Amino acid sequence: MTMEFNKKYFVKTAPLVLSIGIFMGGIFAGCGPVKTRGGVNDVNLQESDMPAANNEPREERIMENFRALAKTGAKLPEVIDFLDENISVVSKEKAAEMLDRLEKLQQEFLPNIEKRFYNDETIQVKMSEVYTQGFDLGKVYEIEDEKVRELLSKTKNSGYRVETAEGMFFPVIDYEVYKKYSEYVTEDVKEYINIMAEESNNPPAKDAALVVGWDEVLKRALNQEKFIKRYEDSAKVGKVKELYRKYLTFTLFGLNNTPLFEYNSKVMDAGAKEAYIKFLESENSGGFYEVVKDYMKVLDKNGYKLTDEVAEFRENLVEKSK
């Protein structure tokens, strides 16, 4: 397999790994805390202290109201407020259902709010102006322009955060905010939240280059595989599989601006080689561990250079992961 194939593959897969830098300003510190049983009104408090059997009709009413709210095209802040008010008094399974629906609503609404970032050029310009002054992302919250501040407020209240890539600013789901619901949901959803929050808090790539170490890439892929095996029937397993395939690509290819093999010499990146060897010396196991192990065997055989044999081997691994 030639290097020409390698470059084409990078270009093809680049959209999967759109790099991101995250705004960490105070306005995106997250929505307010969940209203626990101690913060619910007197009627709710009395009902929540009743035996579980008596709580079932109330739980069904809550879920019926939530489903109706989610179907009526309600604004995301209203849905989030409903979760904050009620998620602590329903079962973990129902809480997981509510959070799953919130995520889907955010995904559905995302294109609409994205348009507001792009349709008015002044918004991008004003954000860029303050960002380039020392590249302090926090400065964006000093913008006094009413239109920009209104958009940032709407973004935050809808459960998104602002990220930047290749000079553009855009909203993404803020999974860190989901952590306030972790204690109320099932174990698979709790772990899913942790995986996705790590992605949004510390994105793996920026401008087609890795911004985390090779060791971090391996660690995340291993954790994703563990989730897939442990929760194979989870509603979230599809999303984690998609994420795992992205990290498998990182592992086998690198990125356009952080290639696993140097473009001219075709020699494996020294830092990656060291990280992969150390990974194999650990007490890890599983399918991903075996992938790295077999990959390194082929690389060792080929002098840790990208040869046709190595290229064909990794292409087959990618096909098997689909």
C-alpha atoms as a PDB file:
ATOM      1  CA  MET A   1       0.000   0.000   0.000  1.00  0.00           C
ATOM      2  CA  THR A   2       1.509   3.352  -0.960  1.00  0.00           C
ATOM      3  CA  MET A   3       1.781   6.626   0.896  1.00  0.00           C
ATOM      4  CA  GLU A   4      -0.623   8.091  -1.674  1.00  0.00           C
ATOM      5  CA  PHE A   5      -3.293   5.788  -0.261  1.00  0.00           C
ATOM      6  CA  ASN A   6      -2.366   6.895   3.229  1.00  0.00           C
ATOM      7  CA  LYS A   7      -2.869  10.564   2.449  1.00  0.00           C
ATOM      8  CA  LYS A   8      -6.176   9.906   0.721  1.00  0.00           C
ATOM      9  CA  TYR A   9      -7.376   8.002   3.723  1.00  0.00           C
ATOM     10  CA  PHE A  10      -6.511  10.913   5.972  1.00  0.00           C
ATOM     11  CA  VAL A  11      -8.444  13.316   3.805  1.00  0.00           C
ATOM     12  CA  LYS A  12     -11.412  10.979   3.738  1.00  0.00           C
ATOM     13  CA  THR A  13     -11.504  10.576   7.493  1.00  0.00           C
ATOM     14  CA  ALA A  14     -10.583  14.125   8.443  1.00  0.00           C
ATOM     15  CA  PRO A  15     -14.216  15.253   9.025  1.00  0.00           C
ATOM     16  CA  LEU A  16     -14.524  12.563  11.682  1.00  0.00           C
ATOM     17  CA  VAL A  17     -11.856  14.191  13.748  1.00  0.00           C
ATOM     18  CA  LEU A  18     -12.628  17.880  13.396  1.00  0.00           C
ATOM     19  CA  SER A  19     -10.369  19.472  15.941  1.00  0.00           C
ATOM     20  CA  ILE A  20     -11.679  21.675  18.640  1.00  0.00           C
ATOM     21  CA  GLY A  21     -10.644  24.150  21.266  1.00  0.00           C
ATOM     22  CA  ILE A  22     -13.061  24.752  24.095  1.00  0.00           C
ATOM     23  CA  PHE A  23     -14.312  27.940  25.664  1.00  0.00           C
ATOM     24  CA  MET A  24     -14.001  27.529  29.426  1.00  0.00           C
ATOM     25  CA  GLY A  25     -15.455  30.889  30.478  1.00  0.00           C
ATOM     26  CA  GLY A  26     -17.754  31.345  33.395  1.00  0.00           C
ATOM     27  CA  ILE A  27     -20.902  31.675  31.349  1.00  0.00           C
ATOM     28  CA  PHE A  28     -20.493  28.022  30.371  1.00  0.00           C
ATOM     29  CA  ALA A  29     -19.923  26.769  33.901  1.00  0.00           C
ATOM     30  CA  GLY A  30     -23.064  24.674  33.409  1.00  0.00           C
ATOM     31  CA  CYS A  31     -26.731  24.829  34.171  1.00  0.00           C
ATOM     32  CA  GLY A  32     -27.914  25.076  37.736  1.00  0.00           C
ATOM     33  CA  PRO A  33     -27.850  22.144  40.132  1.00  0.00           C
ATOM     34  CA  VAL A  34     -30.450  19.432  39.986  1.00  0.00           C
ATOM     35  CA  LYS A  35     -33.266  19.989  42.447  1.00  0.00           C
ATOM     36  CA  THR A  36     -32.969  17.006  44.741  1.00  0.00           C
ATOM     37  CA  ARG A  37     -35.664  15.679  47.007  1.00  0.00           C
ATOM     38  CA  GLY A  38     -34.795  18.248  49.612  1.00  0.00           C
ATOM     39  CA  GLY A  39     -35.386  21.041  47.116  1.00  0.00           C
ATOM     40  CA  VAL A  40     -38.703  19.871  45.684  1.00  0.00           C
ATOM     41  CA  ASN A  41     -41.959  21.457  46.820  1.00  0.00           C
ATOM     42  CA  ASP A  42     -43.862  20.087  49.824  1.00  0.00           C
ATOM     43  CA  VAL A  43     -46.243  17.946  47.789  1.00  0.00           C
ATOM     44  CA  ASN A  44     -43.374  16.310  45.907  1.00  0.00           C
ATOM     45  CA  LEU A  45     -41.451  15.753  49.107  1.00  0.00           C
ATOM     46  CA  GLN A  46     -44.370  14.020  50.784  1.00  0.00           C
ATOM     47  CA  GLU A  47     -45.022  11.808  47.772  1.00  0.00           C
ATOM     48  CA  SER A  48     -41.365  10.861  47.360  1.00  0.00           C
ATOM     49  CA  ASP A  49     -41.282   9.607  50.951  1.00  0.00           C
ATOM     50  CA  MET A  50     -44.189   7.218  50.328  1.00  0.00           C
ATOM     51  CA  PRO A  51     -43.627   3.499  49.653  1.00  0.00           C
ATOM     52  CA  ALA A  52     -42.295   2.707  46.178  1.00  0.00           C
ATOM     53  CA  ALA A  53     -45.589   1.137  45.057  1.00  0.00           C
ATOM     54  CA  ASN A  54     -47.395   4.413  45.696  1.00  0.00           C
ATOM     55  CA  ASN A  55     -44.766   6.307  43.717  1.00  0.00           C
ATOM     56  CA  GLU A  56     -45.435   4.449  40.485  1.00  0.00           C
ATOM     57  CA  PRO A  57     -48.490   6.493  39.412  1.00  0.00           C
ATOM     58  CA  ARG A  58     -46.588   9.692  40.121  1.00  0.00           C
ATOM     59  CA  GLU A  59     -43.576   8.505  38.132  1.00  0.00           C
ATOM     60  CA  GLU A  60     -45.824   7.688  35.192  1.00  0.00           C
ATOM     61  CA  ARG A  61     -47.376  11.157  35.362  1.00  0.00           C
ATOM     62  CA  ILE A  62     -43.925  12.706  35.333  1.00  0.00           C
ATOM     63  CA  MET A  63     -42.872  10.640  32.334  1.00  0.00           C
ATOM     64  CA  GLU A  64     -46.095  11.375  30.463  1.00  0.00           C
ATOM     65  CA  ASN A  65     -45.587  15.087  31.049  1.00  0.00           C
ATOM     66  CA  PHE A  66     -41.957  14.855  29.971  1.00  0.00           C
ATOM     67  CA  ARG A  67     -42.748  12.969  26.769  1.00  0.00           C
ATOM     68  CA  ALA A  68     -45.480  15.434  25.927  1.00  0.00           C
ATOM     69  CA  LEU A  69     -43.130  18.347  26.573  1.00  0.00           C
ATOM     70  CA  ALA A  70     -40.417  16.817  24.401  1.00  0.00           C
ATOM     71  CA  LYS A  71     -42.873  16.325  21.525  1.00  0.00           C
ATOM     72  CA  THR A  72     -44.333  19.808  21.479  1.00  0.00           C
ATOM     73  CA  GLY A  73     -41.177  21.498  20.244  1.00  0.00           C
ATOM     74  CA  ALA A  74     -40.548  23.024  23.634  1.00  0.00           C
ATOM     75  CA  LYS A  75     -37.446  25.122  24.004  1.00  0.00           C
ATOM     76  CA  LEU A  76     -34.448  23.249  25.340  1.00  0.00           C
ATOM     77  CA  PRO A  77     -34.180  25.375  28.506  1.00  0.00           C
ATOM     78  CA  GLU A  78     -37.719  24.240  29.413  1.00  0.00           C
ATOM     79  CA  VAL A  79     -36.789  20.585  28.938  1.00  0.00           C
ATOM     80  CA  ILE A  80     -33.641  21.042  31.030  1.00  0.00           C
ATOM     81  CA  ASP A  81     -35.643  22.751  33.778  1.00  0.00           C
ATOM     82  CA  PHE A  82     -38.072  19.826  33.774  1.00  0.00           C
ATOM     83  CA  LEU A  83     -35.205  17.364  34.196  1.00  0.00           C
ATOM     84  CA  ASP A  84     -33.690  19.410  37.002  1.00  0.00           C
ATOM     85  CA  GLU A  85     -37.034  19.409  38.798  1.00  0.00           C
ATOM     86  CA  ASN A  86     -37.985  15.763  38.352  1.00  0.00           C
ATOM     87  CA  ILE A  87     -35.057  13.485  37.502  1.00  0.00           C
ATOM     88  CA  SER A  88     -34.222  12.823  41.155  1.00  0.00           C
ATOM     89  CA  VAL A  89     -37.655  11.343  41.931  1.00  0.00           C
ATOM     90  CA  VAL A  90     -37.999   8.792  39.127  1.00  0.00           C
ATOM     91  CA  SER A  91     -36.285   5.432  38.732  1.00  0.00           C
ATOM     92  CA  LYS A  92     -32.789   5.217  37.273  1.00  0.00           C
ATOM     93  CA  GLU A  93     -34.199   3.659  34.118  1.00  0.00           C
ATOM     94  CA  LYS A  94     -36.686   6.491  33.634  1.00  0.00           C
ATOM     95  CA  ALA A  95     -33.988   9.047  34.406  1.00  0.00           C
ATOM     96  CA  ALA A  96     -31.801   7.459  31.726  1.00  0.00           C
ATOM     97  CA  GLU A  97     -34.702   7.703  29.271  1.00  0.00           C
ATOM     98  CA  MET A  98     -35.139  11.394  30.050  1.00  0.00           C
ATOM     99  CA  LEU A  99     -31.452  12.122  29.556  1.00  0.00           C
ATOM    100  CA  ASP A 100     -31.369  10.165  26.312  1.00  0.00           C
ATOM    101  CA  ARG A 101     -34.267  12.227  24.994  1.00  0.00           C
ATOM    102  CA  LEU A 102     -32.561  15.461  26.024  1.00  0.00           C
ATOM    103  CA  GLU A 103     -29.432  14.485  24.104  1.00  0.00           C
ATOM    104  CA  LYS A 104     -31.475  13.682  20.988  1.00  0.00           C
ATOM    105  CA  LEU A 105     -33.303  17.004  21.223  1.00  0.00           C
ATOM    106  CA  GLN A 106     -29.990  18.830  21.513  1.00  0.00           C
ATOM    107  CA  GLN A 107     -28.677  16.986  18.463  1.00  0.00           C
ATOM    108  CA  GLU A 108     -31.826  17.872  16.513  1.00  0.00           C
ATOM    109  CA  PHE A 109     -31.706  21.538  17.490  1.00  0.00           C
ATOM    110  CA  LEU A 110     -27.954  21.944  16.968  1.00  0.00           C
ATOM    111  CA  PRO A 111     -28.148  22.920  13.258  1.00  0.00           C
ATOM    112  CA  ASN A 112     -30.598  25.704  14.111  1.00  0.00           C
ATOM    113  CA  ILE A 113     -28.363  27.333  16.682  1.00  0.00           C
ATOM    114  CA  GLU A 114     -25.304  26.793  14.470  1.00  0.00           C
ATOM    115  CA  LYS A 115     -26.938  28.979  11.832  1.00  0.00           C
ATOM    116  CA  ARG A 116     -26.991  31.868  14.278  1.00  0.00           C
ATOM    117  CA  PHE A 117     -23.225  31.600  14.638  1.00  0.00           C
ATOM    118  CA  TYR A 118     -22.669  31.694  10.880  1.00  0.00           C
ATOM    119  CA  ASN A 119     -25.469  33.825   9.418  1.00  0.00           C
ATOM    120  CA  ASP A 120     -24.225  37.035  11.017  1.00  0.00           C
ATOM    121  CA  GLU A 121     -20.567  37.648  10.157  1.00  0.00           C
ATOM    122  CA  THR A 122     -20.201  40.195  12.947  1.00  0.00           C
ATOM    123  CA  ILE A 123     -20.605  37.436  15.549  1.00  0.00           C
ATOM    124  CA  GLN A 124     -17.615  35.481  14.240  1.00  0.00           C
ATOM    125  CA  VAL A 125     -15.602  38.678  13.845  1.00  0.00           C
ATOM    126  CA  LYS A 126     -16.249  39.894  17.387  1.00  0.00           C
ATOM    127  CA  MET A 127     -15.408  36.510  18.892  1.00  0.00           C
ATOM    128  CA  SER A 128     -12.264  36.271  16.794  1.00  0.00           C
ATOM    129  CA  GLU A 129     -11.112  39.766  17.735  1.00  0.00           C
ATOM    130  CA  VAL A 130     -11.118  39.111  21.461  1.00  0.00           C
ATOM    131  CA  TYR A 131      -9.781  35.573  21.082  1.00  0.00           C
ATOM    132  CA  THR A 132      -6.705  36.624  19.091  1.00  0.00           C
ATOM    133  CA  GLN A 133      -5.738  39.162  21.764  1.00  0.00           C
ATOM    134  CA  GLY A 134      -3.361  36.824  23.565  1.00  0.00           C
ATOM    135  CA  PHE A 135      -5.465  33.787  22.606  1.00  0.00           C
ATOM    136  CA  ASP A 136      -7.306  33.990  25.906  1.00  0.00           C
ATOM    137  CA  LEU A 137     -10.608  32.207  25.345  1.00  0.00           C
ATOM    138  CA  GLY A 138     -12.041  33.777  28.471  1.00  0.00           C
ATOM    139  CA  LYS A 139     -11.960  37.191  26.811  1.00  0.00           C
ATOM    140  CA  VAL A 140     -14.967  36.293  24.688  1.00  0.00           C
ATOM    141  CA  TYR A 141     -17.152  36.841  27.735  1.00  0.00           C
ATOM    142  CA  GLU A 142     -16.024  40.434  27.920  1.00  0.00           C
ATOM    143  CA  ILE A 143     -17.826  41.201  24.672  1.00  0.00           C
ATOM    144  CA  GLU A 144     -20.401  43.883  25.375  1.00  0.00           C
ATOM    145  CA  ASP A 145     -22.256  43.476  22.101  1.00  0.00           C
ATOM    146  CA  GLU A 146     -25.837  42.631  23.056  1.00  0.00           C
ATOM    147  CA  LYS A 147     -26.380  40.321  20.089  1.00  0.00           C
ATOM    148  CA  VAL A 148     -23.323  38.210  20.909  1.00  0.00           C
ATOM    149  CA  ARG A 149     -24.100  38.008  24.613  1.00  0.00           C
ATOM    150  CA  GLU A 150     -27.691  36.990  23.876  1.00  0.00           C
ATOM    151  CA  LEU A 151     -26.459  34.191  21.614  1.00  0.00           C
ATOM    152  CA  LEU A 152     -23.935  32.975  24.198  1.00  0.00           C
ATOM    153  CA  SER A 153     -26.624  32.971  26.875  1.00  0.00           C
ATOM    154  CA  LYS A 154     -29.027  31.005  24.681  1.00  0.00           C
ATOM    155  CA  THR A 155     -26.257  28.557  23.836  1.00  0.00           C
ATOM    156  CA  LYS A 156     -25.422  27.921  27.481  1.00  0.00           C
ATOM    157  CA  ASN A 157     -29.036  27.693  28.664  1.00  0.00           C
ATOM    158  CA  SER A 158     -29.731  25.115  25.956  1.00  0.00           C
ATOM    159  CA  GLY A 159     -26.947  22.858  27.244  1.00  0.00           C
ATOM    160  CA  TYR A 160     -24.281  23.688  24.669  1.00  0.00           C
ATOM    161  CA  ARG A 161     -20.795  25.104  24.921  1.00  0.00           C
ATOM    162  CA  VAL A 162     -18.813  27.048  22.335  1.00  0.00           C
ATOM    163  CA  GLU A 163     -15.785  25.540  20.624  1.00  0.00           C
ATOM    164  CA  THR A 164     -13.355  26.812  18.030  1.00  0.00           C
ATOM    165  CA  ALA A 165     -11.661  25.050  15.124  1.00  0.00           C
ATOM    166  CA  GLU A 166      -9.814  26.401  12.118  1.00  0.00           C
ATOM    167  CA  GLY A 167     -10.712  29.957  13.030  1.00  0.00           C
ATOM    168  CA  MET A 168     -14.458  29.385  13.365  1.00  0.00           C
ATOM    169  CA  PHE A 169     -16.639  29.355  16.488  1.00  0.00           C
ATOM    170  CA  PHE A 170     -19.573  26.993  16.886  1.00  0.00           C
ATOM    171  CA  PRO A 171     -21.740  25.236  19.525  1.00  0.00           C
ATOM    172  CA  VAL A 172     -21.503  21.614  20.646  1.00  0.00           C
ATOM    173  CA  ILE A 173     -23.276  19.645  23.364  1.00  0.00           C
ATOM    174  CA  ASP A 174     -21.718  20.315  26.756  1.00  0.00           C
ATOM    175  CA  TYR A 175     -21.502  16.832  28.267  1.00  0.00           C
ATOM    176  CA  GLU A 176     -19.823  18.165  31.392  1.00  0.00           C
ATOM    177  CA  VAL A 177     -23.226  19.573  32.378  1.00  0.00           C
ATOM    178  CA  TYR A 178     -24.659  16.050  32.206  1.00  0.00           C
ATOM    179  CA  LYS A 179     -22.570  15.071  35.214  1.00  0.00           C
ATOM    180  CA  LYS A 180     -25.086  16.695  37.542  1.00  0.00           C
ATOM    181  CA  TYR A 181     -27.470  13.891  36.545  1.00  0.00           C
ATOM    182  CA  SER A 182     -24.968  11.028  37.004  1.00  0.00           C
ATOM    183  CA  GLU A 183     -26.187   9.859  40.403  1.00  0.00           C
ATOM    184  CA  TYR A 184     -29.752   9.462  39.130  1.00  0.00           C
ATOM    185  CA  VAL A 185     -29.158   7.349  36.001  1.00  0.00           C
ATOM    186  CA  THR A 186     -28.152   3.758  35.270  1.00  0.00           C
ATOM    187  CA  GLU A 187     -24.504   2.689  35.384  1.00  0.00           C
ATOM    188  CA  ASP A 188     -24.115   2.507  31.601  1.00  0.00           C
ATOM    189  CA  VAL A 189     -25.384   6.052  31.138  1.00  0.00           C
ATOM    190  CA  LYS A 190     -23.191   7.257  33.990  1.00  0.00           C
ATOM    191  CA  GLU A 191     -20.097   5.812  32.292  1.00  0.00           C
ATOM    192  CA  TYR A 192     -21.261   7.183  28.946  1.00  0.00           C
ATOM    193  CA  ILE A 193     -21.445  10.655  30.462  1.00  0.00           C
ATOM    194  CA  ASN A 194     -17.872  10.326  31.741  1.00  0.00           C
ATOM    195  CA  ILE A 195     -16.612   9.222  28.320  1.00  0.00           C
ATOM    196  CA  MET A 196     -18.353  12.038  26.473  1.00  0.00           C
ATOM    197  CA  ALA A 197     -17.425  14.685  29.047  1.00  0.00           C
ATOM    198  CA  GLU A 198     -13.771  13.749  28.633  1.00  0.00           C
ATOM    199  CA  GLU A 199     -14.156  14.247  24.889  1.00  0.00           C
ATOM    200  CA  SER A 200     -15.708  17.684  25.226  1.00  0.00           C
ATOM    201  CA  ASN A 201     -13.471  18.873  28.057  1.00  0.00           C
ATOM    202  CA  ASN A 202     -10.244  17.606  26.495  1.00  0.00           C
ATOM    203  CA  PRO A 203     -10.770  17.106  22.763  1.00  0.00           C
ATOM    204  CA  PRO A 204      -8.224  14.768  21.183  1.00  0.00           C
ATOM    205  CA  ALA A 205      -7.466  16.884  18.143  1.00  0.00           C
ATOM    206  CA  LYS A 206      -7.222  20.459  16.919  1.00  0.00           C
ATOM    207  CA  ASP A 207      -6.768  21.597  13.341  1.00  0.00           C
ATOM    208  CA  ALA A 208      -6.106  18.050  12.095  1.00  0.00           C
ATOM    209  CA  ALA A 209      -3.411  17.445  14.724  1.00  0.00           C
ATOM    210  CA  LEU A 210      -3.477  15.457  17.949  1.00  0.00           C
ATOM    211  CA  VAL A 211      -3.490  17.640  21.047  1.00  0.00           C
ATOM    212  CA  VAL A 212      -3.350  14.706  23.456  1.00  0.00           C
ATOM    213  CA  GLY A 213      -0.496  12.236  23.747  1.00  0.00           C
ATOM    214  CA  TRP A 214      -0.388   8.875  22.033  1.00  0.00           C
ATOM    215  CA  ASP A 215      -0.717   7.258  25.449  1.00  0.00           C
ATOM    216  CA  GLU A 216      -3.984   9.131  26.017  1.00  0.00           C
ATOM    217  CA  VAL A 217      -5.294   7.941  22.655  1.00  0.00           C
ATOM    218  CA  LEU A 218      -4.620   4.334  23.664  1.00  0.00           C
ATOM    219  CA  LYS A 219      -6.152   4.797  27.107  1.00  0.00           C
ATOM    220  CA  ARG A 220      -9.379   6.266  25.768  1.00  0.00           C
ATOM    221  CA  ALA A 221      -9.754   3.587  23.104  1.00  0.00           C
ATOM    222  CA  LEU A 222      -9.287   0.908  25.753  1.00  0.00           C
ATOM    223  CA  ASN A 223     -11.960   2.488  27.986  1.00  0.00           C
ATOM    224  CA  GLN A 224     -14.355   2.743  25.068  1.00  0.00           C
ATOM    225  CA  GLU A 225     -13.862  -0.930  24.247  1.00  0.00           C
ATOM    226  CA  LYS A 226     -14.528  -1.858  27.879  1.00  0.00           C
ATOM    227  CA  PHE A 227     -17.816   0.055  27.738  1.00  0.00           C
ATOM    228  CA  ILE A 228     -18.821  -1.737  24.530  1.00  0.00           C
ATOM    229  CA  LYS A 229     -18.189  -5.153  26.085  1.00  0.00           C
ATOM    230  CA  ARG A 230     -19.690  -4.366  29.483  1.00  0.00           C
ATOM    231  CA  TYR A 231     -22.851  -2.698  28.179  1.00  0.00           C
ATOM    232  CA  GLU A 232     -23.473  -4.397  24.833  1.00  0.00           C
ATOM    233  CA  ASP A 233     -27.239  -3.891  25.217  1.00  0.00           C
ATOM    234  CA  SER A 234     -27.000  -0.234  26.210  1.00  0.00           C
ATOM    235  CA  ALA A 235     -28.786   2.377  24.137  1.00  0.00           C
ATOM    236  CA  LYS A 236     -25.477   4.255  24.131  1.00  0.00           C
ATOM    237  CA  VAL A 237     -23.304   1.463  22.768  1.00  0.00           C
ATOM    238  CA  GLY A 238     -23.700   2.636  19.161  1.00  0.00           C
ATOM    239  CA  LYS A 239     -22.367   6.085  19.964  1.00  0.00           C
ATOM    240  CA  VAL A 240     -19.395   4.637  21.844  1.00  0.00           C
ATOM    241  CA  LYS A 241     -18.643   2.234  18.977  1.00  0.00           C
ATOM    242  CA  GLU A 242     -18.534   5.206  16.633  1.00  0.00           C
ATOM    243  CA  LEU A 243     -16.126   6.963  18.974  1.00  0.00           C
ATOM    244  CA  TYR A 244     -13.987   3.823  19.280  1.00  0.00           C
ATOM    245  CA  ARG A 245     -13.623   3.567  15.496  1.00  0.00           C
ATOM    246  CA  LYS A 246     -12.368   7.135  15.443  1.00  0.00           C
ATOM    247  CA  TYR A 247      -9.723   6.325  18.046  1.00  0.00           C
ATOM    248  CA  LEU A 248      -8.771   3.170  16.170  1.00  0.00           C
ATOM    249  CA  THR A 249      -8.047   5.411  13.182  1.00  0.00           C
ATOM    250  CA  PHE A 250      -5.919   7.651  15.405  1.00  0.00           C
ATOM    251  CA  THR A 251      -4.017   4.579  16.585  1.00  0.00           C
ATOM    252  CA  LEU A 252      -3.359   3.119  13.145  1.00  0.00           C
ATOM    253  CA  PHE A 253      -2.915   6.291  11.092  1.00  0.00           C
ATOM    254  CA  GLY A 254      -2.545   9.346  13.290  1.00  0.00           C
ATOM    255  CA  LEU A 255      -3.852  12.556  11.710  1.00  0.00           C
ATOM    256  CA  ASN A 256      -2.919  14.713   8.738  1.00  0.00           C
ATOM    257  CA  ASN A 257      -0.790  17.010  10.882  1.00  0.00           C
ATOM    258  CA  THR A 258       0.237  14.307  13.361  1.00  0.00           C
ATOM    259  CA  PRO A 259       0.865  11.285  11.148  1.00  0.00           C
ATOM    260  CA  LEU A 260       1.875   8.002  12.725  1.00  0.00           C
ATOM    261  CA  PHE A 261       4.523   7.725  10.012  1.00  0.00           C
ATOM    262  CA  GLU A 262       6.694  10.573   8.753  1.00  0.00           C
ATOM    263  CA  TYR A 263       5.603  11.454   5.225  1.00  0.00           C
ATOM    264  CA  ASN A 264       9.035  11.324   3.583  1.00  0.00           C
ATOM    265  CA  SER A 265      10.952   8.671   5.502  1.00  0.00           C
ATOM    266  CA  LYS A 266       7.826   6.633   6.364  1.00  0.00           C
ATOM    267  CA  VAL A 267       9.373   5.928   9.768  1.00  0.00           C
ATOM    268  CA  MET A 268       7.031   5.509  12.750  1.00  0.00           C
ATOM    269  CA  ASP A 269       6.797   8.483  15.101  1.00  0.00           C
ATOM    270  CA  ALA A 270       9.236   7.910  17.975  1.00  0.00           C
ATOM    271  CA  GLY A 271       6.807   9.132  20.633  1.00  0.00           C
ATOM    272  CA  ALA A 272       4.076   6.852  19.339  1.00  0.00           C
ATOM    273  CA  LYS A 273       6.426   3.872  19.251  1.00  0.00           C
ATOM    274  CA  GLU A 274       7.424   4.459  22.861  1.00  0.00           C
ATOM    275  CA  ALA A 275       3.785   4.849  23.965  1.00  0.00           C
ATOM    276  CA  TYR A 276       2.680   1.700  22.137  1.00  0.00           C
ATOM    277  CA  ILE A 277       5.491  -0.396  23.628  1.00  0.00           C
ATOM    278  CA  LYS A 278       4.678   0.862  27.118  1.00  0.00           C
ATOM    279  CA  PHE A 279       0.988   0.119  26.527  1.00  0.00           C
ATOM    280  CA  LEU A 280       1.823  -3.482  25.641  1.00  0.00           C
ATOM    281  CA  GLU A 281       3.923  -3.821  28.793  1.00  0.00           C
ATOM    282  CA  SER A 282       0.891  -2.995  30.929  1.00  0.00           C
ATOM    283  CA  GLU A 283      -1.551  -5.550  32.325  1.00  0.00           C
ATOM    284  CA  ASN A 284      -4.259  -4.629  29.838  1.00  0.00           C
ATOM    285  CA  SER A 285      -6.132  -7.152  27.733  1.00  0.00           C
ATOM    286  CA  GLY A 286      -8.953  -7.330  25.225  1.00  0.00           C
ATOM    287  CA  GLY A 287      -9.510  -6.858  21.524  1.00  0.00           C
ATOM    288  CA  PHE A 288      -7.930  -3.414  21.268  1.00  0.00           C
ATOM    289  CA  TYR A 289      -4.863  -4.590  23.165  1.00  0.00           C
ATOM    290  CA  GLU A 290      -4.509  -7.440  20.668  1.00  0.00           C
ATOM    291  CA  VAL A 291      -4.872  -5.012  17.754  1.00  0.00           C
ATOM    292  CA  VAL A 292      -1.983  -2.902  19.020  1.00  0.00           C
ATOM    293  CA  LYS A 293       0.043  -6.031  19.778  1.00  0.00           C
ATOM    294  CA  ASP A 294      -0.432  -7.474  16.284  1.00  0.00           C
ATOM    295  CA  TYR A 295       0.193  -4.080  14.681  1.00  0.00           C
ATOM    296  CA  MET A 296       3.493  -3.691  16.515  1.00  0.00           C
ATOM    297  CA  LYS A 297       4.546  -7.201  15.478  1.00  0.00           C
ATOM    298  CA  VAL A 298       4.038  -6.296  11.825  1.00  0.00           C
ATOM    299  CA  LEU A 299       5.824  -2.984  12.340  1.00  0.00           C
ATOM    300  CA  ASP A 300       8.750  -4.673  14.047  1.00  0.00           C
ATOM    301  CA  LYS A 301       9.010  -7.065  11.119  1.00  0.00           C
ATOM    302  CA  ASN A 302       9.122  -4.084   8.740  1.00  0.00           C
ATOM    303  CA  GLY A 303      11.598  -1.989  10.711  1.00  0.00           C
ATOM    304  CA  TYR A 304       8.846   0.284  12.063  1.00  0.00           C
ATOM    305  CA  LYS A 305       8.308   1.779   8.621  1.00  0.00           C
ATOM    306  CA  LEU A 306       5.153   2.156   6.558  1.00  0.00           C
ATOM    307  CA  THR A 307       5.471  -0.547   3.928  1.00  0.00           C
ATOM    308  CA  ASP A 308       2.851  -2.069   1.658  1.00  0.00           C
ATOM    309  CA  GLU A 309       2.470  -4.927   4.131  1.00  0.00           C
ATOM    310  CA  VAL A 310       1.857  -2.540   7.032  1.00  0.00           C
ATOM    311  CA  ALA A 311      -0.596  -0.440   5.015  1.00  0.00           C
ATOM    312  CA  GLU A 312      -2.577  -3.514   3.961  1.00  0.00           C
ATOM    313  CA  PHE A 313      -2.599  -4.848   7.510  1.00  0.00           C
ATOM    314  CA  ARG A 314      -4.056  -1.674   9.006  1.00  0.00           C
ATOM    315  CA  GLU A 315      -6.586  -1.322   6.186  1.00  0.00           C
ATOM    316  CA  ASN A 316      -7.894  -4.787   7.030  1.00  0.00           C
ATOM    317  CA  LEU A 317      -8.150  -3.818  10.702  1.00  0.00           C
ATOM    318  CA  VAL A 318     -10.271  -0.797   9.810  1.00  0.00           C
ATOM    319  CA  GLU A 319     -12.571  -2.922   7.639  1.00  0.00           C
ATOM    320  CA  LYS A 320     -13.060  -5.424  10.464  1.00  0.00           C
ATOM    321  CA  SER A 321     -14.083  -2.639  12.840  1.00  0.00           C
ATOM    322  CA  LYS A 322     -16.996  -1.518  10.651  1.00  0.00           C
END
